[in-house]
PDB file of all heavy atoms in Angstrom:
ATOM      1  N   MET A   1     -11.383   6.326  23.880  1.00  0.00           N
ATOM      2  CA  MET A   1      -9.947   6.090  24.020  1.00  0.00           C
ATOM      3  C   MET A   1      -9.607   4.603  24.072  1.00  0.00           C
ATOM      4  O   MET A   1      -8.463   4.234  23.997  1.00  0.00           O
ATOM      5  CB  MET A   1      -9.403   6.811  25.250  1.00  0.00           C
ATOM      6  CG  MET A   1      -9.313   8.313  25.037  1.00  0.00           C
ATOM      7  SD  MET A   1      -8.560   8.808  23.469  1.00  0.00           S
ATOM      8  CE  MET A   1      -6.941   8.106  23.609  1.00  0.00           C
ATOM      9  N   THR A   2     -10.603   3.749  24.204  1.00  0.00           N
ATOM     10  CA  THR A   2     -10.323   2.320  24.157  1.00  0.00           C
ATOM     11  C   THR A   2     -10.105   1.861  22.723  1.00  0.00           C
ATOM     12  O   THR A   2      -9.677   0.750  22.488  1.00  0.00           O
ATOM     13  CB  THR A   2     -11.485   1.516  24.769  1.00  0.00           C
ATOM     14  OG1 THR A   2     -12.687   1.829  24.060  1.00  0.00           O
ATOM     15  CG2 THR A   2     -11.644   1.840  26.239  1.00  0.00           C
ATOM     16  N   GLN A   3     -10.403   2.735  21.769  1.00  0.00           N
ATOM     17  CA  GLN A   3     -10.253   2.399  20.354  1.00  0.00           C
ATOM     18  C   GLN A   3      -9.057   3.144  19.784  1.00  0.00           C
ATOM     19  O   GLN A   3      -9.010   4.361  19.799  1.00  0.00           O
ATOM     20  CB  GLN A   3     -11.522   2.802  19.600  1.00  0.00           C
ATOM     21  CG  GLN A   3     -11.469   2.516  18.128  1.00  0.00           C
ATOM     22  CD  GLN A   3     -12.717   3.012  17.418  1.00  0.00           C
ATOM     23  OE1 GLN A   3     -13.540   3.695  17.990  1.00  0.00           O
ATOM     24  NE2 GLN A   3     -12.839   2.670  16.164  1.00  0.00           N
ATOM     25  N   GLY A   4      -8.091   2.412  19.289  1.00  0.00           N
ATOM     26  CA  GLY A   4      -6.939   3.040  18.676  1.00  0.00           C
ATOM     27  C   GLY A   4      -7.134   3.206  17.181  1.00  0.00           C
ATOM     28  O   GLY A   4      -8.216   2.959  16.640  1.00  0.00           O
ATOM     29  N   LEU A   5      -6.080   3.619  16.530  1.00  0.00           N
ATOM     30  CA  LEU A   5      -6.128   3.924  15.110  1.00  0.00           C
ATOM     31  C   LEU A   5      -4.707   3.830  14.577  1.00  0.00           C
ATOM     32  O   LEU A   5      -3.764   4.199  15.267  1.00  0.00           O
ATOM     33  CB  LEU A   5      -6.658   5.351  14.931  1.00  0.00           C
ATOM     34  CG  LEU A   5      -6.560   5.987  13.560  1.00  0.00           C
ATOM     35  CD1 LEU A   5      -7.585   5.374  12.627  1.00  0.00           C
ATOM     36  CD2 LEU A   5      -6.805   7.480  13.678  1.00  0.00           C
ATOM     37  N   THR A   6      -4.546   3.323  13.367  1.00  0.00           N
ATOM     38  CA  THR A   6      -3.246   3.342  12.712  1.00  0.00           C
ATOM     39  C   THR A   6      -3.310   4.253  11.498  1.00  0.00           C
ATOM     40  O   THR A   6      -4.164   4.076  10.632  1.00  0.00           O
ATOM     41  CB  THR A   6      -2.807   1.927  12.274  1.00  0.00           C
ATOM     42  OG1 THR A   6      -2.559   1.135  13.437  1.00  0.00           O
ATOM     43  CG2 THR A   6      -1.547   1.978  11.438  1.00  0.00           C
ATOM     44  N   LEU A   7      -2.417   5.235  11.470  1.00  0.00           N
ATOM     45  CA  LEU A   7      -2.194   6.066  10.282  1.00  0.00           C
ATOM     46  C   LEU A   7      -0.975   5.478   9.595  1.00  0.00           C
ATOM     47  O   LEU A   7       0.112   5.449  10.183  1.00  0.00           O
ATOM     48  CB  LEU A   7      -1.887   7.513  10.670  1.00  0.00           C
ATOM     49  CG  LEU A   7      -3.017   8.369  11.194  1.00  0.00           C
ATOM     50  CD1 LEU A   7      -2.476   9.700  11.681  1.00  0.00           C
ATOM     51  CD2 LEU A   7      -4.043   8.582  10.116  1.00  0.00           C
ATOM     52  N   TRP A   8      -1.163   5.008   8.360  1.00  0.00           N
ATOM     53  CA  TRP A   8      -0.089   4.327   7.632  1.00  0.00           C
ATOM     54  C   TRP A   8       0.407   5.242   6.523  1.00  0.00           C
ATOM     55  O   TRP A   8      -0.254   5.426   5.512  1.00  0.00           O
ATOM     56  CB  TRP A   8      -0.612   3.014   7.058  1.00  0.00           C
ATOM     57  CG  TRP A   8       0.468   2.106   6.584  1.00  0.00           C
ATOM     58  CD1 TRP A   8       1.141   2.178   5.396  1.00  0.00           C
ATOM     59  CD2 TRP A   8       1.009   0.992   7.286  1.00  0.00           C
ATOM     60  NE1 TRP A   8       2.068   1.171   5.315  1.00  0.00           N
ATOM     61  CE2 TRP A   8       1.999   0.423   6.471  1.00  0.00           C
ATOM     62  CE3 TRP A   8       0.737   0.404   8.532  1.00  0.00           C
ATOM     63  CZ2 TRP A   8       2.733  -0.695   6.854  1.00  0.00           C
ATOM     64  CZ3 TRP A   8       1.464  -0.701   8.911  1.00  0.00           C
ATOM     65  CH2 TRP A   8       2.448  -1.245   8.073  1.00  0.00           C
ATOM     66  N   PHE A   9       1.595   5.837   6.731  1.00  0.00           N
ATOM     67  CA  PHE A   9       2.199   6.732   5.753  1.00  0.00           C
ATOM     68  C   PHE A   9       2.996   5.896   4.757  1.00  0.00           C
ATOM     69  O   PHE A   9       3.970   5.245   5.136  1.00  0.00           O
ATOM     70  CB  PHE A   9       3.133   7.730   6.438  1.00  0.00           C
ATOM     71  CG  PHE A   9       2.453   8.678   7.380  1.00  0.00           C
ATOM     72  CD1 PHE A   9       2.175   8.313   8.698  1.00  0.00           C
ATOM     73  CD2 PHE A   9       2.089   9.943   6.959  1.00  0.00           C
ATOM     74  CE1 PHE A   9       1.556   9.183   9.575  1.00  0.00           C
ATOM     75  CE2 PHE A   9       1.465  10.835   7.826  1.00  0.00           C
ATOM     76  CZ  PHE A   9       1.195  10.451   9.140  1.00  0.00           C
ATOM     77  N   THR A  10       2.584   5.913   3.494  1.00  0.00           N
ATOM     78  CA  THR A  10       3.268   5.145   2.455  1.00  0.00           C
ATOM     79  C   THR A  10       3.683   6.088   1.328  1.00  0.00           C
ATOM     80  O   THR A  10       3.003   7.084   1.052  1.00  0.00           O
ATOM     81  CB  THR A  10       2.369   4.007   1.906  1.00  0.00           C
ATOM     82  OG1 THR A  10       3.077   3.310   0.880  1.00  0.00           O
ATOM     83  CG2 THR A  10       1.051   4.516   1.359  1.00  0.00           C
ATOM     84  N   GLY A  11       4.795   5.781   0.698  1.00  0.00           N
ATOM     85  CA  GLY A  11       5.299   6.587  -0.411  1.00  0.00           C
ATOM     86  C   GLY A  11       6.759   6.251  -0.645  1.00  0.00           C
ATOM     87  O   GLY A  11       7.366   5.486   0.109  1.00  0.00           O
ATOM     88  N   LEU A  12       7.299   6.828  -1.677  1.00  0.00           N
ATOM     89  CA  LEU A  12       8.705   6.595  -2.023  1.00  0.00           C
ATOM     90  C   LEU A  12       9.643   7.107  -0.931  1.00  0.00           C
ATOM     91  O   LEU A  12       9.271   7.991  -0.147  1.00  0.00           O
ATOM     92  CB  LEU A  12       9.047   7.301  -3.341  1.00  0.00           C
ATOM     93  CG  LEU A  12       8.408   6.759  -4.603  1.00  0.00           C
ATOM     94  CD1 LEU A  12       8.680   7.704  -5.776  1.00  0.00           C
ATOM     95  CD2 LEU A  12       8.910   5.358  -4.908  1.00  0.00           C
ATOM     96  N   SER A  13      10.854   6.579  -0.922  1.00  0.00           N
ATOM     97  CA  SER A  13      11.888   7.106  -0.054  1.00  0.00           C
ATOM     98  C   SER A  13      12.099   8.578  -0.400  1.00  0.00           C
ATOM     99  O   SER A  13      12.225   8.935  -1.565  1.00  0.00           O
ATOM    100  CB  SER A  13      13.181   6.322  -0.282  1.00  0.00           C
ATOM    101  OG  SER A  13      14.205   6.815   0.538  1.00  0.00           O
ATOM    102  N   GLY A  14      12.090   9.423   0.598  1.00  0.00           N
ATOM    103  CA  GLY A  14      12.284  10.852   0.369  1.00  0.00           C
ATOM    104  C   GLY A  14      11.007  11.631   0.101  1.00  0.00           C
ATOM    105  O   GLY A  14      11.065  12.846  -0.091  1.00  0.00           O
ATOM    106  N   ALA A  15       9.856  10.974   0.118  1.00  0.00           N
ATOM    107  CA  ALA A  15       8.595  11.668  -0.160  1.00  0.00           C
ATOM    108  C   ALA A  15       8.161  12.563   1.000  1.00  0.00           C
ATOM    109  O   ALA A  15       7.440  13.534   0.800  1.00  0.00           O
ATOM    110  CB  ALA A  15       7.497  10.662  -0.482  1.00  0.00           C
ATOM    111  N   GLY A  16       8.590  12.237   2.225  1.00  0.00           N
ATOM    112  CA  GLY A  16       8.224  13.044   3.385  1.00  0.00           C
ATOM    113  C   GLY A  16       7.421  12.290   4.437  1.00  0.00           C
ATOM    114  O   GLY A  16       6.824  12.909   5.315  1.00  0.00           O
ATOM    115  N   LYS A  17       7.416  10.980   4.381  1.00  0.00           N
ATOM    116  CA  LYS A  17       6.634  10.164   5.316  1.00  0.00           C
ATOM    117  C   LYS A  17       7.018  10.426   6.772  1.00  0.00           C
ATOM    118  O   LYS A  17       6.159  10.686   7.609  1.00  0.00           O
ATOM    119  CB  LYS A  17       6.807   8.669   5.011  1.00  0.00           C
ATOM    120  CG  LYS A  17       6.325   8.239   3.644  1.00  0.00           C
ATOM    121  CD  LYS A  17       6.581   6.779   3.375  1.00  0.00           C
ATOM    122  CE  LYS A  17       8.032   6.379   3.415  1.00  0.00           C
ATOM    123  NZ  LYS A  17       8.894   7.035   2.412  1.00  0.00           N
ATOM    124  N   THR A  18       8.290  10.335   7.061  1.00  0.00           N
ATOM    125  CA  THR A  18       8.744  10.504   8.446  1.00  0.00           C
ATOM    126  C   THR A  18       8.529  11.927   8.926  1.00  0.00           C
ATOM    127  O   THR A  18       8.112  12.142  10.076  1.00  0.00           O
ATOM    128  CB  THR A  18      10.226  10.081   8.578  1.00  0.00           C
ATOM    129  OG1 THR A  18      10.338   8.713   8.177  1.00  0.00           O
ATOM    130  CG2 THR A  18      10.722  10.236  10.000  1.00  0.00           C
ATOM    131  N   THR A  19       8.766  12.892   8.074  1.00  0.00           N
ATOM    132  CA  THR A  19       8.539  14.296   8.445  1.00  0.00           C
ATOM    133  C   THR A  19       7.090  14.525   8.847  1.00  0.00           C
ATOM    134  O   THR A  19       6.810  15.142   9.888  1.00  0.00           O
ATOM    135  CB  THR A  19       8.916  15.220   7.269  1.00  0.00           C
ATOM    136  OG1 THR A  19      10.306  15.033   6.971  1.00  0.00           O
ATOM    137  CG2 THR A  19       8.630  16.674   7.576  1.00  0.00           C
ATOM    138  N   LEU A  20       6.155  14.020   8.044  1.00  0.00           N
ATOM    139  CA  LEU A  20       4.737  14.185   8.369  1.00  0.00           C
ATOM    140  C   LEU A  20       4.365  13.387   9.610  1.00  0.00           C
ATOM    141  O   LEU A  20       3.598  13.857  10.460  1.00  0.00           O
ATOM    142  CB  LEU A  20       3.867  13.783   7.179  1.00  0.00           C
ATOM    143  CG  LEU A  20       4.004  14.644   5.929  1.00  0.00           C
ATOM    144  CD1 LEU A  20       3.078  14.131   4.834  1.00  0.00           C
ATOM    145  CD2 LEU A  20       3.736  16.108   6.234  1.00  0.00           C
ATOM    146  N   ASN A  21       4.891  12.183   9.725  1.00  0.00           N
ATOM    147  CA  ASN A  21       4.628  11.338  10.879  1.00  0.00           C
ATOM    148  C   ASN A  21       4.990  12.081  12.168  1.00  0.00           C
ATOM    149  O   ASN A  21       4.178  12.152  13.096  1.00  0.00           O
ATOM    150  CB  ASN A  21       5.446  10.039  10.738  1.00  0.00           C
ATOM    151  CG  ASN A  21       5.316   9.087  11.902  1.00  0.00           C
ATOM    152  OD1 ASN A  21       5.288   9.470  13.056  1.00  0.00           O
ATOM    153  ND2 ASN A  21       5.282   7.809  11.592  1.00  0.00           N
ATOM    154  N   ILE A  22       6.174  12.624  12.227  1.00  0.00           N
ATOM    155  CA  ILE A  22       6.633  13.317  13.430  1.00  0.00           C
ATOM    156  C   ILE A  22       5.767  14.535  13.737  1.00  0.00           C
ATOM    157  O   ILE A  22       5.385  14.759  14.886  1.00  0.00           O
ATOM    158  CB  ILE A  22       8.123  13.708  13.290  1.00  0.00           C
ATOM    159  CG1 ILE A  22       8.983  12.441  13.297  1.00  0.00           C
ATOM    160  CG2 ILE A  22       8.551  14.670  14.388  1.00  0.00           C
ATOM    161  CD1 ILE A  22      10.420  12.662  12.860  1.00  0.00           C
ATOM    162  N   ALA A  23       5.432  15.299  12.715  1.00  0.00           N
ATOM    163  CA  ALA A  23       4.613  16.500  12.929  1.00  0.00           C
ATOM    164  C   ALA A  23       3.216  16.136  13.420  1.00  0.00           C
ATOM    165  O   ALA A  23       2.681  16.786  14.333  1.00  0.00           O
ATOM    166  CB  ALA A  23       4.545  17.319  11.637  1.00  0.00           C
ATOM    167  N   VAL A  24       2.603  15.102  12.847  1.00  0.00           N
ATOM    168  CA  VAL A  24       1.269  14.666  13.285  1.00  0.00           C
ATOM    169  C   VAL A  24       1.360  14.089  14.695  1.00  0.00           C
ATOM    170  O   VAL A  24       0.516  14.367  15.548  1.00  0.00           O
ATOM    171  CB  VAL A  24       0.653  13.651  12.295  1.00  0.00           C
ATOM    172  CG1 VAL A  24      -0.619  13.035  12.850  1.00  0.00           C
ATOM    173  CG2 VAL A  24       0.371  14.334  10.953  1.00  0.00           C
ATOM    174  N   ARG A  25       2.401  13.283  14.943  1.00  0.00           N
ATOM    175  CA  ARG A  25       2.594  12.718  16.285  1.00  0.00           C
ATOM    176  C   ARG A  25       2.647  13.822  17.335  1.00  0.00           C
ATOM    177  O   ARG A  25       1.995  13.746  18.377  1.00  0.00           O
ATOM    178  CB  ARG A  25       3.891  11.913  16.328  1.00  0.00           C
ATOM    179  CG  ARG A  25       4.173  11.313  17.712  1.00  0.00           C
ATOM    180  CD  ARG A  25       5.625  10.975  17.901  1.00  0.00           C
ATOM    181  NE  ARG A  25       6.426  12.193  17.870  1.00  0.00           N
ATOM    182  CZ  ARG A  25       7.725  12.226  17.588  1.00  0.00           C
ATOM    183  NH1 ARG A  25       8.366  11.124  17.290  1.00  0.00           N
ATOM    184  NH2 ARG A  25       8.384  13.365  17.590  1.00  0.00           N
TER     185      ARG A  25
END
């Protein structure tokens, strides 16, 4: 737990980045 991680969601506007981000979060 001392080691973090960044998941970087990239894609066009409207591709679903925020939707997936929230669900994974």
